[in-house]
Amino acid sequence: RKKFKCPYCSFSAMHQCILKRHMRSHTGERPYPCEICGKKFTRREHMKRHTLVRAVLAISPSLQGKESRN
């Protein structure tokens, strides 16, 4: 049974950390900034993926037009 409930919608989670992450969709909080460009993210793993892509593009500008996401 899921015991952590979102006060803004019908979402519920078994763990408080999952609810906290979900709450960012309502609050707009983006606590994870990219150190290269400053873009902010709601999840650390999204920031890490974005930062890795930016670092590769900084090293290999020839890949610039081949990026699919981020």
PDB file of N, CA and C in Angstrom:
ATOM      1  N   ARG A   1       0.846  -1.192   0.000  1.00  0.00           N
ATOM      2  CA  ARG A   1       0.000   0.000   0.000  1.00  0.00           C
ATOM      3  C   ARG A   1       0.880   1.240   0.000  1.00  0.00           C
ATOM      4  N   LYS A   2       0.544   2.204  -0.844  1.00  0.00           N
ATOM      5  CA  LYS A   2       1.318   3.430  -0.958  1.00  0.00           C
ATOM      6  C   LYS A   2       0.860   4.418   0.106  1.00  0.00           C
ATOM      7  N   LYS A   3       1.801   4.875   0.904  1.00  0.00           N
ATOM      8  CA  LYS A   3       1.403   5.711   2.035  1.00  0.00           C
ATOM      9  C   LYS A   3       1.760   7.185   1.915  1.00  0.00           C
ATOM     10  N   PHE A   4       2.547   7.576   0.912  1.00  0.00           N
ATOM     11  CA  PHE A   4       2.903   8.980   0.739  1.00  0.00           C
ATOM     12  C   PHE A   4       2.070   9.555  -0.409  1.00  0.00           C
ATOM     13  N   LYS A   5       1.194  10.488  -0.099  1.00  0.00           N
ATOM     14  CA  LYS A   5       0.259  11.023  -1.087  1.00  0.00           C
ATOM     15  C   LYS A   5       0.582  12.472  -1.437  1.00  0.00           C
ATOM     16  N   CYS A   6       0.464  12.780  -2.705  1.00  0.00           N
ATOM     17  CA  CYS A   6       0.688  14.136  -3.186  1.00  0.00           C
ATOM     18  C   CYS A   6      -0.512  15.013  -2.808  1.00  0.00           C
ATOM     19  N   PRO A   7      -0.250  16.187  -2.233  1.00  0.00           N
ATOM     20  CA  PRO A   7      -1.368  17.071  -1.871  1.00  0.00           C
ATOM     21  C   PRO A   7      -1.973  17.806  -3.073  1.00  0.00           C
ATOM     22  N   TYR A   8      -1.334  17.711  -4.245  1.00  0.00           N
ATOM     23  CA  TYR A   8      -1.795  18.435  -5.427  1.00  0.00           C
ATOM     24  C   TYR A   8      -2.534  17.570  -6.442  1.00  0.00           C
ATOM     25  N   CYS A   9      -2.296  16.251  -6.405  1.00  0.00           N
ATOM     26  CA  CYS A   9      -2.943  15.373  -7.384  1.00  0.00           C
ATOM     27  C   CYS A   9      -3.143  13.992  -6.767  1.00  0.00           C
ATOM     28  N   SER A  10      -3.518  13.027  -7.553  1.00  0.00           N
ATOM     29  CA  SER A  10      -3.827  11.698  -7.036  1.00  0.00           C
ATOM     30  C   SER A  10      -2.599  10.785  -6.929  1.00  0.00           C
ATOM     31  N   PHE A  11      -1.419  11.293  -7.210  1.00  0.00           N
ATOM     32  CA  PHE A  11      -0.198  10.485  -7.136  1.00  0.00           C
ATOM     33  C   PHE A  11       0.071  10.033  -5.705  1.00  0.00           C
ATOM     34  N   SER A  12       0.534   8.788  -5.561  1.00  0.00           N
ATOM     35  CA  SER A  12       0.981   8.298  -4.254  1.00  0.00           C
ATOM     36  C   SER A  12       2.189   7.404  -4.475  1.00  0.00           C
ATOM     37  N   ALA A  13       3.025   7.306  -3.438  1.00  0.00           N
ATOM     38  CA  ALA A  13       4.267   6.547  -3.550  1.00  0.00           C
ATOM     39  C   ALA A  13       4.512   5.746  -2.284  1.00  0.00           C
ATOM     40  N   MET A  14       5.322   4.719  -2.412  1.00  0.00           N
ATOM     41  CA  MET A  14       5.667   3.901  -1.257  1.00  0.00           C
ATOM     42  C   MET A  14       6.800   4.526  -0.445  1.00  0.00           C
ATOM     43  N   HIS A  15       7.584   5.391  -1.082  1.00  0.00           N
ATOM     44  CA  HIS A  15       8.734   5.997  -0.420  1.00  0.00           C
ATOM     45  C   HIS A  15       8.647   7.520  -0.496  1.00  0.00           C
ATOM     46  N   GLN A  16       9.039   8.179   0.568  1.00  0.00           N
ATOM     47  CA  GLN A  16       8.968   9.639   0.625  1.00  0.00           C
ATOM     48  C   GLN A  16       9.862  10.297  -0.424  1.00  0.00           C
ATOM     49  N   CYS A  17      11.015   9.699  -0.716  1.00  0.00           N
ATOM     50  CA  CYS A  17      11.925  10.296  -1.705  1.00  0.00           C
ATOM     51  C   CYS A  17      11.282  10.335  -3.093  1.00  0.00           C
ATOM     52  N   ILE A  18      10.455   9.350  -3.405  1.00  0.00           N
ATOM     53  CA  ILE A  18       9.757   9.336  -4.700  1.00  0.00           C
ATOM     54  C   ILE A  18       8.714  10.444  -4.731  1.00  0.00           C
ATOM     55  N   LEU A  19       7.997  10.626  -3.630  1.00  0.00           N
ATOM     56  CA  LEU A  19       7.024  11.712  -3.564  1.00  0.00           C
ATOM     57  C   LEU A  19       7.724  13.061  -3.684  1.00  0.00           C
ATOM     58  N   LYS A  20       8.869  13.224  -3.019  1.00  0.00           N
ATOM     59  CA  LYS A  20       9.613  14.479  -3.085  1.00  0.00           C
ATOM     60  C   LYS A  20      10.018  14.788  -4.528  1.00  0.00           C
ATOM     61  N   ARG A  21      10.488  13.778  -5.253  1.00  0.00           N
ATOM     62  CA  ARG A  21      10.863  13.953  -6.658  1.00  0.00           C
ATOM     63  C   ARG A  21       9.633  14.330  -7.483  1.00  0.00           C
ATOM     64  N   HIS A  22       8.508  13.668  -7.233  1.00  0.00           N
ATOM     65  CA  HIS A  22       7.268  13.967  -7.946  1.00  0.00           C
ATOM     66  C   HIS A  22       6.808  15.401  -7.684  1.00  0.00           C
ATOM     67  N   MET A  23       6.952  15.854  -6.452  1.00  0.00           N
ATOM     68  CA  MET A  23       6.488  17.194  -6.073  1.00  0.00           C
ATOM     69  C   MET A  23       7.143  18.294  -6.907  1.00  0.00           C
ATOM     70  N   ARG A  24       8.334  18.026  -7.407  1.00  0.00           N
ATOM     71  CA  ARG A  24       9.017  19.017  -8.243  1.00  0.00           C
ATOM     72  C   ARG A  24       8.219  19.334  -9.507  1.00  0.00           C
ATOM     73  N   SER A  25       7.389  18.399  -9.953  1.00  0.00           N
ATOM     74  CA  SER A  25       6.560  18.667 -11.128  1.00  0.00           C
ATOM     75  C   SER A  25       5.507  19.730 -10.819  1.00  0.00           C
ATOM     76  N   HIS A  26       5.160  19.888  -9.571  1.00  0.00           N
ATOM     77  CA  HIS A  26       4.190  20.906  -9.157  1.00  0.00           C
ATOM     78  C   HIS A  26       4.863  22.210  -8.734  1.00  0.00           C
ATOM     79  N   THR A  27       5.996  22.102  -8.070  1.00  0.00           N
ATOM     80  CA  THR A  27       6.651  23.294  -7.514  1.00  0.00           C
ATOM     81  C   THR A  27       7.575  23.990  -8.495  1.00  0.00           C
ATOM     82  N   GLY A  28       8.035  23.261  -9.522  1.00  0.00           N
ATOM     83  CA  GLY A  28       8.971  23.841 -10.477  1.00  0.00           C
ATOM     84  C   GLY A  28      10.413  23.836  -9.982  1.00  0.00           C
ATOM     85  N   GLU A  29      10.655  23.237  -8.826  1.00  0.00           N
ATOM     86  CA  GLU A  29      12.016  23.180  -8.279  1.00  0.00           C
ATOM     87  C   GLU A  29      12.922  22.393  -9.226  1.00  0.00           C
ATOM     88  N   ARG A  30      14.093  22.952  -9.504  1.00  0.00           N
ATOM     89  CA  ARG A  30      15.093  22.305 -10.354  1.00  0.00           C
ATOM     90  C   ARG A  30      16.448  22.457  -9.659  1.00  0.00           C
ATOM     91  N   PRO A  31      16.749  21.558  -8.718  1.00  0.00           N
ATOM     92  CA  PRO A  31      17.925  21.727  -7.874  1.00  0.00           C
ATOM     93  C   PRO A  31      19.257  21.261  -8.470  1.00  0.00           C
ATOM     94  N   TYR A  32      19.260  20.741  -9.696  1.00  0.00           N
ATOM     95  CA  TYR A  32      20.485  20.190 -10.267  1.00  0.00           C
ATOM     96  C   TYR A  32      20.899  20.960 -11.525  1.00  0.00           C
ATOM     97  N   PRO A  33      21.810  21.931 -11.387  1.00  0.00           N
ATOM     98  CA  PRO A  33      22.247  22.711 -12.548  1.00  0.00           C
ATOM     99  C   PRO A  33      23.415  22.059 -13.287  1.00  0.00           C
ATOM    100  N   CYS A  34      23.454  22.252 -14.594  1.00  0.00           N
ATOM    101  CA  CYS A  34      24.587  21.826 -15.414  1.00  0.00           C
ATOM    102  C   CYS A  34      25.739  22.798 -15.141  1.00  0.00           C
ATOM    103  N   GLU A  35      26.926  22.270 -14.869  1.00  0.00           N
ATOM    104  CA  GLU A  35      28.080  23.125 -14.597  1.00  0.00           C
ATOM    105  C   GLU A  35      28.630  23.775 -15.862  1.00  0.00           C
ATOM    106  N   ILE A  36      28.226  23.272 -17.024  1.00  0.00           N
ATOM    107  CA  ILE A  36      28.718  23.814 -18.286  1.00  0.00           C
ATOM    108  C   ILE A  36      27.859  24.972 -18.775  1.00  0.00           C
ATOM    109  N   CYS A  37      26.535  24.794 -18.791  1.00  0.00           N
ATOM    110  CA  CYS A  37      25.672  25.834 -19.362  1.00  0.00           C
ATOM    111  C   CYS A  37      24.687  26.449 -18.365  1.00  0.00           C
ATOM    112  N   GLY A  38      24.538  25.834 -17.182  1.00  0.00           N
ATOM    113  CA  GLY A  38      23.642  26.380 -16.176  1.00  0.00           C
ATOM    114  C   GLY A  38      22.204  25.911 -16.248  1.00  0.00           C
ATOM    115  N   LYS A  39      21.847  25.136 -17.279  1.00  0.00           N
ATOM    116  CA  LYS A  39      20.486  24.616 -17.363  1.00  0.00           C
ATOM    117  C   LYS A  39      20.204  23.779 -16.127  1.00  0.00           C
ATOM    118  N   LYS A  40      18.999  23.878 -15.568  1.00  0.00           N
ATOM    119  CA  LYS A  40      18.662  23.188 -14.328  1.00  0.00           C
ATOM    120  C   LYS A  40      17.701  22.033 -14.581  1.00  0.00           C
ATOM    121  N   PHE A  41      17.819  21.011 -13.741  1.00  0.00           N
ATOM    122  CA  PHE A  41      17.039  19.793 -13.900  1.00  0.00           C
ATOM    123  C   PHE A  41      16.380  19.374 -12.596  1.00  0.00           C
ATOM    124  N   THR A  42      15.284  18.639 -12.711  1.00  0.00           N
ATOM    125  CA  THR A  42      14.573  18.150 -11.525  1.00  0.00           C
ATOM    126  C   THR A  42      15.214  16.889 -10.973  1.00  0.00           C
ATOM    127  N   ARG A  43      15.946  16.163 -11.816  1.00  0.00           N
ATOM    128  CA  ARG A  43      16.553  14.902 -11.388  1.00  0.00           C
ATOM    129  C   ARG A  43      18.042  14.903 -11.686  1.00  0.00           C
ATOM    130  N   ARG A  44      18.817  14.385 -10.745  1.00  0.00           N
ATOM    131  CA  ARG A  44      20.276  14.351 -10.879  1.00  0.00           C
ATOM    132  C   ARG A  44      20.711  13.556 -12.112  1.00  0.00           C
ATOM    133  N   GLU A  45      20.044  12.426 -12.374  1.00  0.00           N
ATOM    134  CA  GLU A  45      20.450  11.604 -13.515  1.00  0.00           C
ATOM    135  C   GLU A  45      20.215  12.308 -14.844  1.00  0.00           C
ATOM    136  N   HIS A  46      19.202  13.159 -14.923  1.00  0.00           N
ATOM    137  CA  HIS A  46      18.967  13.925 -16.149  1.00  0.00           C
ATOM    138  C   HIS A  46      20.057  14.974 -16.340  1.00  0.00           C
ATOM    139  N   MET A  47      20.475  15.617 -15.246  1.00  0.00           N
ATOM    140  CA  MET A  47      21.555  16.595 -15.312  1.00  0.00           C
ATOM    141  C   MET A  47      22.862  15.911 -15.720  1.00  0.00           C
ATOM    142  N   LYS A  48      23.145  14.750 -15.165  1.00  0.00           N
ATOM    143  CA  LYS A  48      24.387  14.044 -15.489  1.00  0.00           C
ATOM    144  C   LYS A  48      24.437  13.662 -16.963  1.00  0.00           C
ATOM    145  N   ARG A  49      23.314  13.166 -17.489  1.00  0.00           N
ATOM    146  CA  ARG A  49      23.260  12.796 -18.903  1.00  0.00           C
ATOM    147  C   ARG A  49      23.479  14.028 -19.778  1.00  0.00           C
ATOM    148  N   HIS A  50      22.795  15.105 -19.452  1.00  0.00           N
ATOM    149  CA  HIS A  50      22.923  16.356 -20.187  1.00  0.00           C
ATOM    150  C   HIS A  50      24.368  16.866 -20.141  1.00  0.00           C
ATOM    151  N   THR A  51      24.978  16.868 -18.946  1.00  0.00           N
ATOM    152  CA  THR A  51      26.332  17.371 -18.782  1.00  0.00           C
ATOM    153  C   THR A  51      27.334  16.526 -19.560  1.00  0.00           C
ATOM    154  N   LEU A  52      27.141  15.225 -19.563  1.00  0.00           N
ATOM    155  CA  LEU A  52      28.027  14.337 -20.323  1.00  0.00           C
ATOM    156  C   LEU A  52      27.956  14.662 -21.807  1.00  0.00           C
ATOM    157  N   VAL A  53      26.760  14.847 -22.335  1.00  0.00           N
ATOM    158  CA  VAL A  53      26.600  15.195 -23.748  1.00  0.00           C
ATOM    159  C   VAL A  53      27.279  16.529 -24.033  1.00  0.00           C
ATOM    160  N   ARG A  54      27.095  17.520 -23.164  1.00  0.00           N
ATOM    161  CA  ARG A  54      27.725  18.832 -23.360  1.00  0.00           C
ATOM    162  C   ARG A  54      29.251  18.731 -23.329  1.00  0.00           C
ATOM    163  N   ALA A  55      29.790  17.919 -22.446  1.00  0.00           N
ATOM    164  CA  ALA A  55      31.241  17.751 -22.347  1.00  0.00           C
ATOM    165  C   ALA A  55      31.797  17.112 -23.619  1.00  0.00           C
ATOM    166  N   VAL A  56      31.103  16.105 -24.137  1.00  0.00           N
ATOM    167  CA  VAL A  56      31.533  15.456 -25.373  1.00  0.00           C
ATOM    168  C   VAL A  56      31.494  16.452 -26.526  1.00  0.00           C
ATOM    169  N   LEU A  57      30.440  17.255 -26.599  1.00  0.00           N
ATOM    170  CA  LEU A  57      30.336  18.244 -27.670  1.00  0.00           C
ATOM    171  C   LEU A  57      31.416  19.316 -27.551  1.00  0.00           C
ATOM    172  N   ALA A  58      31.826  19.652 -26.338  1.00  0.00           N
ATOM    173  CA  ALA A  58      32.885  20.635 -26.146  1.00  0.00           C
ATOM    174  C   ALA A  58      34.215  20.094 -26.661  1.00  0.00           C
ATOM    175  N   ILE A  59      34.424  18.784 -26.519  1.00  0.00           N
ATOM    176  CA  ILE A  59      35.664  18.149 -26.976  1.00  0.00           C
ATOM    177  C   ILE A  59      35.620  17.891 -28.478  1.00  0.00           C
ATOM    178  N   SER A  60      34.446  17.490 -28.982  1.00  0.00           N
ATOM    179  CA  SER A  60      34.287  17.126 -30.393  1.00  0.00           C
ATOM    180  C   SER A  60      33.199  17.973 -31.050  1.00  0.00           C
ATOM    181  N   PRO A  61      33.508  19.210 -31.416  1.00  0.00           N
ATOM    182  CA  PRO A  61      32.480  20.075 -32.014  1.00  0.00           C
ATOM    183  C   PRO A  61      31.883  19.500 -33.303  1.00  0.00           C
ATOM    184  N   SER A  62      32.583  18.582 -33.960  1.00  0.00           N
ATOM    185  CA  SER A  62      32.051  18.001 -35.203  1.00  0.00           C
ATOM    186  C   SER A  62      30.784  17.186 -34.957  1.00  0.00           C
ATOM    187  N   LEU A  63      30.520  16.810 -33.696  1.00  0.00           N
ATOM    188  CA  LEU A  63      29.315  16.053 -33.362  1.00  0.00           C
ATOM    189  C   LEU A  63      28.121  16.966 -33.108  1.00  0.00           C
ATOM    190  N   GLN A  64      28.313  18.273 -33.160  1.00  0.00           N
ATOM    191  CA  GLN A  64      27.299  19.256 -32.771  1.00  0.00           C
ATOM    192  C   GLN A  64      25.919  18.993 -33.365  1.00  0.00           C
ATOM    193  N   GLY A  65      25.817  18.734 -34.641  1.00  0.00           N
ATOM    194  CA  GLY A  65      24.518  18.552 -35.278  1.00  0.00           C
ATOM    195  C   GLY A  65      23.939  17.167 -35.125  1.00  0.00           C
ATOM    196  N   LYS A  66      24.645  16.255 -34.475  1.00  0.00           N
ATOM    197  CA  LYS A  66      24.206  14.868 -34.382  1.00  0.00           C
ATOM    198  C   LYS A  66      23.547  14.518 -33.067  1.00  0.00           C
ATOM    199  N   GLU A  67      23.382  15.487 -32.180  1.00  0.00           N
ATOM    200  CA  GLU A  67      22.758  15.249 -30.876  1.00  0.00           C
ATOM    201  C   GLU A  67      21.262  15.034 -31.075  1.00  0.00           C
ATOM    202  N   SER A  68      20.711  13.988 -30.426  1.00  0.00           N
ATOM    203  CA  SER A  68      19.293  13.693 -30.617  1.00  0.00           C
ATOM    204  C   SER A  68      18.402  14.300 -29.548  1.00  0.00           C
ATOM    205  N   ARG A  69      18.886  14.406 -28.285  1.00  0.00           N
ATOM    206  CA  ARG A  69      18.078  14.946 -27.190  1.00  0.00           C
ATOM    207  C   ARG A  69      18.965  15.757 -26.277  1.00  0.00           C
ATOM    208  N   ASN A  70      18.283  16.475 -25.323  1.00  0.00           N
ATOM    209  CA  ASN A  70      18.932  17.324 -24.311  1.00  0.00           C
ATOM    210  C   ASN A  70      19.014  18.714 -24.835  1.00  0.00           C
TER     211      ASN A  70
END
